[in-house]
Amino acid sequence: MEIAENLDLIQEKIAAACRRSGRDLAQVRLLAVCKDQGPERIRRVLDLGVRLLGENKLQEAEAHMRHFPAKGIEWHFIGTLQKNKINRILNAFQLIESVDGVKALEHIHKRVDQPVEVFIEVNIAEESSKTGFSVEGLKRAIPYIAGLGKVVIAGLMAIPPYFEDTEKVRPFFARLRGLRDEIQRQAVANMPVGHLSMGMSHDYEVAVEEGATLVRIGTALFGRRK
């Protein structure tokens, strides 16, 4: 019952955050982060109706996918993108959320026949320990990205710094939303950036209030990893 109760609580908190911010609940999706979870626990969330699953590691993801080959599950890659594994990731996942630089965009552009949607990862606090475009770096790269017609930037993703006081992370979520809005105003054909993937187990309520369309939740759903 633990996972079911956790999911109910998460859904209640997302709904409350939508009410506080005047948002439509239908605009927000829960992505269950499956890192280090066994098949039986993943099956539980699937049985509860969750259909959007996130994976950090390709090899672990492929093992999970063999257990759950049924159509109707949407798999997102959210881990560090290794260039030598891009082909396998493109074949296995419906969407890559962690495209962290121009080189990764070029690799994807060269390897696909038809345009594919991806999210760009933004290092929103410009932390040396994290990958991703800086805000200004992404702005400068927009004219070049516009020429990569086989990558469609469907959204932005970020992992801001961790704060016990989640109000301290709010400015980072707001900054990502502002960047998204600025890009949208430029009306670049292959950069609709309709989605914001931000917010994790400890701060997803604030992320929803600031415009998240996907929240990536592992611990709050599955419990602490052993």
Protein backbone atom coordinates (compact mmCIF):
# COMPACT_ATOMS: atom_id res chain seq x y z
CA MET A 1 0.00 0.00 0.00
CA GLU A 2 2.98 2.34 0.48
CA ILE A 3 3.33 3.28 -3.18
CA ALA A 4 -0.42 3.74 -3.63
CA GLU A 5 -0.58 6.03 -0.61
CA ASN A 6 2.47 7.96 -1.81
CA LEU A 7 0.92 8.44 -5.24
CA ASP A 8 -2.35 9.68 -3.75
CA LEU A 9 -0.46 12.23 -1.64
CA ILE A 10 1.64 13.40 -4.60
CA GLN A 11 -1.44 13.83 -6.77
CA GLU A 12 -3.20 15.75 -4.00
CA LYS A 13 -0.23 18.08 -3.59
CA ILE A 14 0.06 18.68 -7.34
CA ALA A 15 -3.65 19.49 -7.50
CA ALA A 16 -3.32 21.90 -4.56
CA ALA A 17 -0.33 23.61 -6.19
CA CYS A 18 -2.35 24.02 -9.38
CA ARG A 19 -5.20 25.59 -7.43
CA ARG A 20 -2.86 28.00 -5.66
CA SER A 21 -1.32 29.11 -8.94
CA GLY A 22 -4.49 29.10 -11.03
CA ARG A 23 -3.26 26.35 -13.33
CA ASP A 24 -5.13 23.55 -15.04
CA LEU A 25 -4.24 20.21 -13.43
CA ALA A 26 -4.28 18.60 -16.88
CA GLN A 27 -1.16 20.64 -17.75
CA VAL A 28 1.02 18.72 -15.26
CA ARG A 29 2.30 15.15 -15.69
CA LEU A 30 4.04 12.95 -13.17
CA LEU A 31 7.18 11.20 -14.36
CA ALA A 32 8.09 8.23 -12.14
CA VAL A 33 11.87 7.99 -11.79
CA CYS A 34 12.74 4.28 -11.86
CA LYS A 35 16.41 4.46 -10.86
CA ASP A 36 17.40 1.46 -8.70
CA GLN A 37 13.83 0.13 -8.60
CA GLY A 38 12.98 -3.52 -9.12
CA PRO A 39 10.36 -4.68 -11.64
CA GLU A 40 7.79 -5.45 -8.96
CA ARG A 41 7.79 -1.84 -7.71
CA ILE A 42 7.62 -0.44 -11.23
CA ARG A 43 4.73 -2.78 -11.98
CA ARG A 44 2.94 -1.34 -8.95
CA VAL A 45 3.05 2.21 -10.30
CA LEU A 46 1.94 0.98 -13.72
CA ASP A 47 -0.99 -0.83 -12.10
CA LEU A 48 -1.89 2.47 -10.42
CA GLY A 49 -2.13 4.19 -13.79
CA VAL A 50 1.24 5.93 -14.13
CA ARG A 51 2.40 5.68 -17.73
CA LEU A 52 5.33 8.10 -17.88
CA LEU A 53 8.60 6.55 -16.67
CA GLY A 54 12.03 8.16 -16.39
CA GLU A 55 15.37 6.40 -16.49
CA ASN A 56 18.85 7.67 -15.62
CA LYS A 57 20.94 4.72 -16.85
CA LEU A 58 20.62 3.07 -20.23
CA GLN A 59 21.53 -0.47 -19.20
CA GLU A 60 19.12 -0.47 -16.27
CA ALA A 61 16.44 1.05 -18.49
CA GLU A 62 16.83 -1.67 -21.11
CA ALA A 63 16.38 -4.31 -18.40
CA HIS A 64 13.21 -2.58 -17.18
CA MET A 65 11.88 -2.30 -20.72
CA ARG A 66 12.28 -6.05 -21.26
CA HIS A 67 9.99 -6.59 -18.27
CA PHE A 68 7.40 -4.12 -19.57
CA PRO A 69 7.25 -4.30 -23.37
CA ALA A 70 3.59 -3.30 -23.57
CA LYS A 71 2.68 -0.30 -25.62
CA GLY A 72 1.23 2.67 -23.83
CA ILE A 73 4.25 3.28 -21.58
CA GLU A 74 6.19 6.44 -22.37
CA TRP A 75 9.89 6.24 -21.48
CA HIS A 76 11.99 9.38 -20.98
CA PHE A 77 15.77 9.38 -20.67
CA ILE A 78 16.78 11.82 -17.93
CA GLY A 79 20.40 10.83 -17.22
CA THR A 80 23.75 12.07 -18.45
CA LEU A 81 23.82 11.72 -22.22
CA GLN A 82 26.85 9.75 -23.43
CA LYS A 83 27.50 10.37 -27.10
CA ASN A 84 28.48 6.75 -27.83
CA LYS A 85 25.08 5.57 -26.58
CA ILE A 86 22.87 8.07 -28.39
CA ASN A 87 21.76 5.56 -31.05
CA ARG A 88 20.58 3.08 -28.42
CA ILE A 89 18.88 5.80 -26.42
CA LEU A 90 17.07 7.12 -29.50
CA ASN A 91 15.84 3.62 -30.30
CA ALA A 92 14.67 2.85 -26.77
CA PHE A 93 13.12 6.08 -25.52
CA GLN A 94 10.26 8.26 -26.68
CA LEU A 95 12.03 11.39 -25.48
CA ILE A 96 15.45 12.52 -24.24
CA GLU A 97 15.14 15.22 -21.57
CA SER A 98 18.85 15.69 -20.88
CA VAL A 99 20.35 17.09 -24.10
CA ASP A 100 23.11 19.11 -22.52
CA GLY A 101 24.94 20.86 -25.35
CA VAL A 102 25.26 21.69 -29.03
CA LYS A 103 27.37 18.58 -29.70
CA ALA A 104 24.60 16.33 -28.40
CA LEU A 105 22.07 18.13 -30.59
CA GLU A 106 24.35 17.65 -33.60
CA HIS A 107 24.74 13.94 -32.86
CA ILE A 108 20.97 13.48 -32.72
CA HIS A 109 20.37 15.59 -35.82
CA LYS A 110 22.79 13.44 -37.84
CA ARG A 111 21.36 10.12 -36.65
CA VAL A 112 17.64 10.49 -37.34
CA ASP A 113 15.67 10.42 -40.57
CA GLN A 114 12.64 12.25 -39.23
CA PRO A 115 12.51 15.14 -36.73
CA VAL A 116 12.54 14.02 -33.09
CA GLU A 117 11.44 15.93 -30.02
CA VAL A 118 13.93 16.48 -27.20
CA PHE A 119 14.26 18.66 -24.10
CA ILE A 120 17.31 20.84 -23.56
CA GLU A 121 18.92 20.61 -20.15
CA VAL A 122 19.71 24.01 -18.65
CA ASN A 123 22.26 24.40 -15.87
CA ILE A 124 20.02 27.02 -14.35
CA ALA A 125 22.33 27.88 -11.44
CA GLU A 126 25.52 27.40 -13.50
CA GLU A 127 26.90 24.85 -11.03
CA SER A 128 30.25 23.33 -11.95
CA SER A 129 29.07 19.89 -10.85
CA LYS A 130 26.18 19.81 -13.34
CA THR A 131 25.89 19.59 -17.10
CA GLY A 132 23.69 21.60 -19.40
CA PHE A 133 23.52 24.87 -21.29
CA SER A 134 23.95 28.06 -19.32
CA VAL A 135 21.08 30.48 -19.78
CA GLU A 136 23.18 32.88 -21.84
CA GLY A 137 24.84 30.02 -23.70
CA LEU A 138 21.47 28.70 -24.82
CA LYS A 139 20.36 32.17 -25.93
CA ARG A 140 23.51 32.53 -28.05
CA ALA A 141 23.01 29.05 -29.54
CA ILE A 142 19.42 29.59 -30.69
CA PRO A 143 20.29 30.73 -34.25
CA TYR A 144 22.49 27.66 -34.71
CA ILE A 145 19.92 25.27 -33.18
CA ALA A 146 17.33 26.74 -35.54
CA GLY A 147 19.35 25.25 -38.38
CA LEU A 148 19.24 21.74 -36.94
CA GLY A 149 15.87 20.93 -38.41
CA LYS A 150 15.72 17.32 -37.25
CA VAL A 151 15.75 18.19 -33.55
CA VAL A 152 12.60 19.80 -32.19
CA ILE A 153 13.14 21.45 -28.81
CA ALA A 154 9.86 20.54 -27.14
CA GLY A 155 10.86 21.73 -23.69
CA LEU A 156 13.50 22.69 -21.15
CA MET A 157 14.71 20.63 -18.20
CA ALA A 158 16.64 21.73 -15.13
CA ILE A 159 17.93 20.43 -11.80
CA PRO A 160 18.38 23.47 -9.57
CA PRO A 161 20.37 23.46 -6.32
CA TYR A 162 18.96 21.58 -3.34
CA PHE A 163 17.59 23.64 -0.47
CA GLU A 164 15.79 22.36 2.61
CA ASP A 165 13.70 25.51 2.38
CA THR A 166 12.00 24.98 -0.98
CA GLU A 167 11.15 28.67 -1.26
CA LYS A 168 14.84 29.24 -1.96
CA VAL A 169 14.59 27.16 -5.15
CA ARG A 170 11.62 29.12 -6.49
CA PRO A 171 13.74 31.79 -8.26
CA PHE A 172 15.50 29.07 -10.28
CA PHE A 173 12.20 27.59 -11.45
CA ALA A 174 10.97 31.08 -12.28
CA ARG A 175 14.15 31.76 -14.24
CA LEU A 176 13.68 28.61 -16.33
CA ARG A 177 10.08 29.62 -17.05
CA GLY A 178 11.25 33.09 -18.05
CA LEU A 179 13.82 31.58 -20.41
CA ARG A 180 11.14 29.37 -21.95
CA ASP A 181 8.87 32.38 -22.45
CA GLU A 182 11.68 34.39 -24.04
CA ILE A 183 12.43 31.60 -26.51
CA GLN A 184 8.76 31.23 -27.38
CA ARG A 185 8.53 34.93 -28.21
CA GLN A 186 11.22 34.41 -30.86
CA ALA A 187 8.94 31.90 -32.64
CA VAL A 188 11.77 29.64 -33.81
CA ALA A 189 10.26 26.90 -35.96
CA ASN A 190 11.96 23.95 -34.26
CA MET A 191 11.88 25.39 -30.72
CA PRO A 192 8.28 25.39 -29.47
CA VAL A 193 9.56 24.71 -25.89
CA GLY A 194 6.07 24.06 -24.60
CA HIS A 195 7.24 21.96 -21.65
CA LEU A 196 9.14 22.59 -18.45
CA SER A 197 10.54 19.49 -16.76
CA MET A 198 11.46 20.71 -13.29
CA GLY A 199 10.81 19.73 -9.72
CA MET A 200 11.71 16.55 -7.88
CA SER A 201 10.55 14.77 -4.73
CA HIS A 202 11.35 17.59 -2.28
CA ASP A 203 10.36 20.65 -4.33
CA TYR A 204 7.79 19.60 -6.93
CA GLU A 205 4.98 21.67 -5.39
CA VAL A 206 6.94 24.90 -5.89
CA ALA A 207 7.89 23.75 -9.40
CA VAL A 208 4.21 23.26 -10.28
CA GLU A 209 3.37 26.71 -8.93
CA GLU A 210 6.10 28.13 -11.20
CA GLY A 211 4.90 26.39 -14.36
CA ALA A 212 6.28 22.83 -14.46
CA THR A 213 4.53 20.57 -16.97
CA LEU A 214 6.49 17.48 -15.87
CA VAL A 215 7.69 16.71 -12.34
CA ARG A 216 10.30 13.96 -11.95
CA ILE A 217 9.57 12.02 -8.78
CA GLY A 218 11.35 8.97 -7.41
CA THR A 219 11.81 8.93 -3.63
CA ALA A 220 8.45 10.49 -2.77
CA LEU A 221 6.74 7.82 -4.88
CA PHE A 222 8.78 4.66 -4.35
CA GLY A 223 10.26 5.44 -0.94
CA ARG A 224 13.94 5.81 -0.14
CA ARG A 225 16.23 3.58 -2.20
CA LYS A 226 18.01 0.84 -0.28
